[in-house]
N, C-alpha and C. Protein backbone atom coordinates (compact mmCIF):
# COMPACT_ATOMS: atom_id res chain seq x y z
N UNK A 1 -6.09 88.19 -53.78
CA UNK A 1 -5.90 86.76 -53.07
C UNK A 1 -5.29 86.12 -52.49
N UNK A 2 -5.68 85.27 -50.99
CA UNK A 2 -5.12 84.81 -50.38
C UNK A 2 -4.90 83.36 -50.24
N UNK A 3 -3.71 83.24 -50.27
CA UNK A 3 -3.61 81.35 -50.13
C UNK A 3 -3.33 80.93 -48.61
N UNK A 4 -3.43 79.80 -48.39
CA UNK A 4 -3.71 79.41 -47.15
C UNK A 4 -2.30 79.07 -47.15
N UNK A 5 -1.65 78.87 -45.80
CA UNK A 5 -0.06 77.96 -46.09
C UNK A 5 -0.14 77.28 -44.70
N UNK A 6 -0.04 76.13 -45.54
CA UNK A 6 -0.21 74.71 -44.84
C UNK A 6 1.17 74.43 -43.27
N UNK A 7 0.68 73.99 -42.49
CA UNK A 7 1.79 74.33 -41.38
C UNK A 7 2.94 73.14 -42.06
N UNK A 8 4.04 73.03 -41.12
CA UNK A 8 4.97 72.35 -41.11
C UNK A 8 4.78 71.24 -40.47
N UNK A 9 4.89 70.10 -40.66
CA UNK A 9 5.08 68.86 -39.63
C UNK A 9 5.78 68.26 -39.50
N UNK A 10 6.84 68.19 -38.10
CA UNK A 10 7.70 67.95 -37.52
C UNK A 10 7.49 66.07 -37.48
N UNK A 11 7.94 65.53 -38.41
CA UNK A 11 7.93 63.72 -38.09
C UNK A 11 8.23 62.57 -37.07
N UNK A 12 8.68 63.94 -36.55
CA UNK A 12 9.71 63.38 -34.71
C UNK A 12 8.66 63.65 -33.87
N UNK A 13 7.82 64.39 -34.12
CA UNK A 13 6.47 64.94 -33.10
C UNK A 13 5.05 64.05 -34.11
N UNK A 14 4.64 63.65 -35.02
CA UNK A 14 3.74 63.65 -35.30
C UNK A 14 3.95 62.13 -35.73
N UNK A 15 2.23 61.77 -35.51
CA UNK A 15 2.00 60.05 -36.07
C UNK A 15 0.65 59.89 -37.38
N UNK A 16 1.01 58.76 -37.77
CA UNK A 16 0.19 58.86 -38.72
C UNK A 16 -1.04 57.32 -38.09
N UNK A 17 -1.91 57.70 -37.84
CA UNK A 17 -2.56 56.59 -37.23
C UNK A 17 -3.11 55.75 -38.40
N UNK A 18 -3.43 54.70 -39.07
CA UNK A 18 -4.20 53.72 -39.93
C UNK A 18 -4.91 53.06 -38.75
N UNK A 19 -6.32 53.69 -39.41
CA UNK A 19 -7.51 52.00 -38.61
C UNK A 19 -8.64 51.58 -38.69
N UNK A 20 -8.39 50.66 -38.50
CA UNK A 20 -9.90 49.93 -39.25
C UNK A 20 -9.48 49.60 -40.65
N UNK A 21 -8.68 49.04 -41.17
CA UNK A 21 -8.38 48.91 -42.87
C UNK A 21 -7.64 46.95 -42.80
N UNK A 22 -9.17 46.71 -42.18
CA UNK A 22 -9.82 45.47 -42.53
C UNK A 22 -10.87 44.65 -43.34
N UNK A 23 -10.57 43.73 -43.65
CA UNK A 23 -11.98 43.16 -44.50
C UNK A 23 -12.88 43.26 -44.78
N UNK A 24 -13.24 43.25 -43.22
CA UNK A 24 -14.63 43.45 -42.89
C UNK A 24 -14.92 45.04 -42.94
N UNK A 25 -14.35 46.07 -42.94
CA UNK A 25 -14.40 47.65 -43.01
C UNK A 25 -14.38 48.22 -44.47
N UNK A 26 -13.25 47.58 -44.84
CA UNK A 26 -12.82 48.26 -45.78
C UNK A 26 -13.63 48.36 -47.39
N UNK A 27 -14.49 47.09 -47.81
CA UNK A 27 -15.81 47.20 -48.87
C UNK A 27 -16.69 48.34 -48.62
N UNK A 28 -17.35 48.85 -47.21
CA UNK A 28 -18.09 49.81 -47.00
C UNK A 28 -17.45 51.03 -47.51
N UNK A 29 -16.27 51.51 -47.80
CA UNK A 29 -15.96 52.19 -48.24
C UNK A 29 -15.91 52.73 -49.88
N UNK A 30 -16.95 53.62 -50.28
CA UNK A 30 -16.35 54.22 -51.97
C UNK A 30 -14.90 53.87 -52.46
N UNK A 31 -15.13 53.33 -53.26
CA UNK A 31 -13.74 52.59 -53.88
C UNK A 31 -12.87 52.37 -52.87
N UNK A 32 -13.32 51.87 -52.77
CA UNK A 32 -12.57 50.85 -51.31
C UNK A 32 -10.41 51.31 -51.35
N UNK A 33 -10.52 50.62 -53.26
CA UNK A 33 -9.12 50.21 -53.50
C UNK A 33 -8.24 51.33 -54.07
N UNK A 34 -8.95 52.21 -54.24
CA UNK A 34 -7.95 53.50 -54.02
C UNK A 34 -7.63 53.72 -52.78
N UNK A 35 -8.79 53.86 -51.53
CA UNK A 35 -8.48 54.58 -50.72
C UNK A 35 -7.52 53.56 -49.79
N UNK A 36 -7.35 52.12 -50.02
CA UNK A 36 -6.21 51.51 -49.65
C UNK A 36 -4.95 52.05 -50.43
N UNK A 37 -4.66 52.36 -51.53
CA UNK A 37 -3.32 53.36 -52.02
C UNK A 37 -2.92 54.05 -51.23
N UNK A 38 -4.31 55.26 -51.42
CA UNK A 38 -3.28 56.65 -50.50
C UNK A 38 -3.35 55.81 -49.53
N UNK A 39 -3.86 55.06 -48.52
CA UNK A 39 -3.08 54.86 -46.85
C UNK A 39 -2.05 54.71 -47.39
N UNK A 40 -1.65 53.04 -48.43
CA UNK A 40 -0.35 53.19 -48.64
C UNK A 40 0.56 54.06 -48.89
N UNK A 41 0.28 55.17 -49.64
CA UNK A 41 1.37 56.17 -50.38
C UNK A 41 1.90 56.47 -48.73
N UNK A 42 0.45 57.16 -48.73
CA UNK A 42 0.72 58.10 -46.90
C UNK A 42 1.85 57.07 -46.13
N UNK A 43 1.47 56.04 -46.15
CA UNK A 43 2.66 55.21 -45.14
C UNK A 43 4.02 55.10 -45.37
N UNK A 44 4.36 55.28 -46.48
CA UNK A 44 5.40 55.18 -47.32
C UNK A 44 6.07 56.86 -47.19
N UNK A 45 5.39 57.71 -47.21
CA UNK A 45 5.35 58.73 -47.19
C UNK A 45 6.38 59.36 -45.78
N UNK A 46 5.55 58.88 -44.18
CA UNK A 46 5.21 58.88 -43.56
C UNK A 46 7.07 58.44 -43.20
N UNK A 47 7.20 57.18 -43.44
CA UNK A 47 8.18 56.47 -43.14
C UNK A 47 9.51 56.86 -44.20
N UNK A 48 9.50 57.57 -44.90
CA UNK A 48 10.50 58.27 -45.93
C UNK A 48 11.14 59.08 -44.69
N UNK A 49 9.61 59.84 -44.47
CA UNK A 49 10.54 61.31 -42.95
C UNK A 49 10.49 60.84 -41.60
N UNK A 50 11.09 59.56 -41.56
CA UNK A 50 11.05 58.81 -40.02
C UNK A 50 10.07 58.70 -39.01
N UNK A 51 8.85 59.03 -39.60
CA UNK A 51 7.45 59.79 -38.93
C UNK A 51 6.87 58.08 -38.01
N UNK A 52 6.52 58.31 -37.08
CA UNK A 52 5.60 57.38 -36.45
C UNK A 52 3.81 56.70 -37.35
N UNK A 53 4.43 55.77 -37.90
CA UNK A 53 3.38 54.75 -37.86
C UNK A 53 1.95 54.74 -36.61
N UNK A 54 0.80 54.40 -36.36
CA UNK A 54 0.33 53.63 -35.45
C UNK A 54 -1.24 53.03 -36.05
N UNK A 55 -0.85 51.41 -35.89
CA UNK A 55 -2.51 50.44 -36.76
C UNK A 55 -3.02 50.66 -35.50
N UNK A 56 -4.75 50.93 -36.28
CA UNK A 56 -5.85 50.88 -34.91
C UNK A 56 -6.52 49.32 -35.20
N UNK A 57 -6.91 49.06 -34.78
CA UNK A 57 -7.76 47.51 -35.57
C UNK A 57 -8.96 47.40 -34.20
N UNK A 58 -10.00 47.78 -34.64
CA UNK A 58 -11.22 47.51 -33.79
C UNK A 58 -11.34 46.48 -33.93
N UNK A 59 -11.77 45.61 -32.91
CA UNK A 59 -12.38 43.99 -32.78
C UNK A 59 -13.27 43.91 -31.66
N UNK A 60 -14.31 43.17 -32.36
CA UNK A 60 -15.24 42.80 -31.32
C UNK A 60 -15.62 41.05 -30.94
N UNK A 61 -15.46 40.47 -29.45
CA UNK A 61 -16.37 38.83 -29.21
C UNK A 61 -17.49 39.11 -30.45
N UNK A 62 -17.51 37.44 -30.33
CA UNK A 62 -19.31 37.05 -30.84
C UNK A 62 -20.46 37.76 -29.67
N UNK A 63 -19.61 38.33 -28.45
CA UNK A 63 -21.06 39.06 -28.25
C UNK A 63 -20.80 40.13 -27.98
N UNK A 64 -20.14 41.06 -28.11
CA UNK A 64 -20.03 42.41 -28.33
C UNK A 64 -21.66 41.98 -29.45
N UNK A 65 -20.25 41.72 -30.88
CA UNK A 65 -21.41 41.74 -32.15
C UNK A 65 -22.95 41.90 -32.02
N UNK A 66 -23.01 40.62 -31.25
CA UNK A 66 -24.90 40.41 -30.62
C UNK A 66 -25.52 41.41 -30.06
N UNK A 67 -24.81 42.23 -29.40
CA UNK A 67 -25.39 43.15 -28.58
C UNK A 67 -25.37 44.53 -29.52
N UNK A 68 -24.87 44.51 -30.31
CA UNK A 68 -25.19 45.51 -31.24
C UNK A 68 -26.43 46.20 -31.68
N UNK A 69 -26.98 47.01 -31.46
CA UNK A 69 -28.09 47.72 -31.57
C UNK A 69 -28.31 48.12 -33.15
N UNK A 70 -29.53 47.32 -34.38
CA UNK A 70 -29.64 47.99 -35.52
C UNK A 70 -30.01 49.06 -35.51
N UNK A 71 -30.03 49.82 -35.08
CA UNK A 71 -29.96 51.10 -34.91
C UNK A 71 -28.41 52.29 -34.85
N UNK A 72 -27.61 51.50 -34.75
CA UNK A 72 -26.08 51.86 -34.21
C UNK A 72 -25.53 51.77 -35.96
N UNK A 73 -25.68 53.28 -36.64
CA UNK A 73 -25.76 53.62 -37.78
C UNK A 73 -23.46 52.91 -38.02
N UNK A 74 -22.72 53.13 -36.79
CA UNK A 74 -21.81 53.21 -37.25
C UNK A 74 -20.83 51.45 -37.23
N UNK A 75 -22.21 50.25 -36.20
CA UNK A 75 -22.04 48.82 -36.66
C UNK A 75 -22.44 47.87 -37.47
N UNK A 76 -23.23 48.28 -37.17
CA UNK A 76 -25.00 47.45 -37.55
C UNK A 76 -25.17 47.00 -38.75
N UNK A 77 -24.46 47.76 -39.61
CA UNK A 77 -24.05 46.73 -41.18
C UNK A 77 -22.75 45.59 -40.94
N UNK A 78 -21.73 45.98 -40.54
CA UNK A 78 -20.86 45.33 -40.02
C UNK A 78 -21.68 43.55 -39.04
N UNK A 79 -21.96 44.25 -38.17
CA UNK A 79 -22.95 42.89 -37.17
C UNK A 79 -23.97 42.45 -37.49
N UNK A 80 -24.74 42.97 -38.73
CA UNK A 80 -25.40 41.92 -39.40
C UNK A 80 -24.63 40.76 -40.18
N UNK A 81 -23.73 41.60 -40.63
CA UNK A 81 -22.62 40.17 -42.26
C UNK A 81 -22.04 39.15 -40.66
């Protein structure tokens, strides 16, 4: 039986991107509370290793929201709200 060895991550060369953890997005995820807790732990681990954290927030103006077609699987539900 062979085992897969995970690569070593060099914190000085890596970044954790934390994306779209917004009030309008998180509730769409199954078990959002557990997801947020896991991300908090990942952030703490990366900080402890002196790695970089990047926060990404996608935001739209009212005009952009109005232009989202109903067929858009990624944003239609959020745009309707």
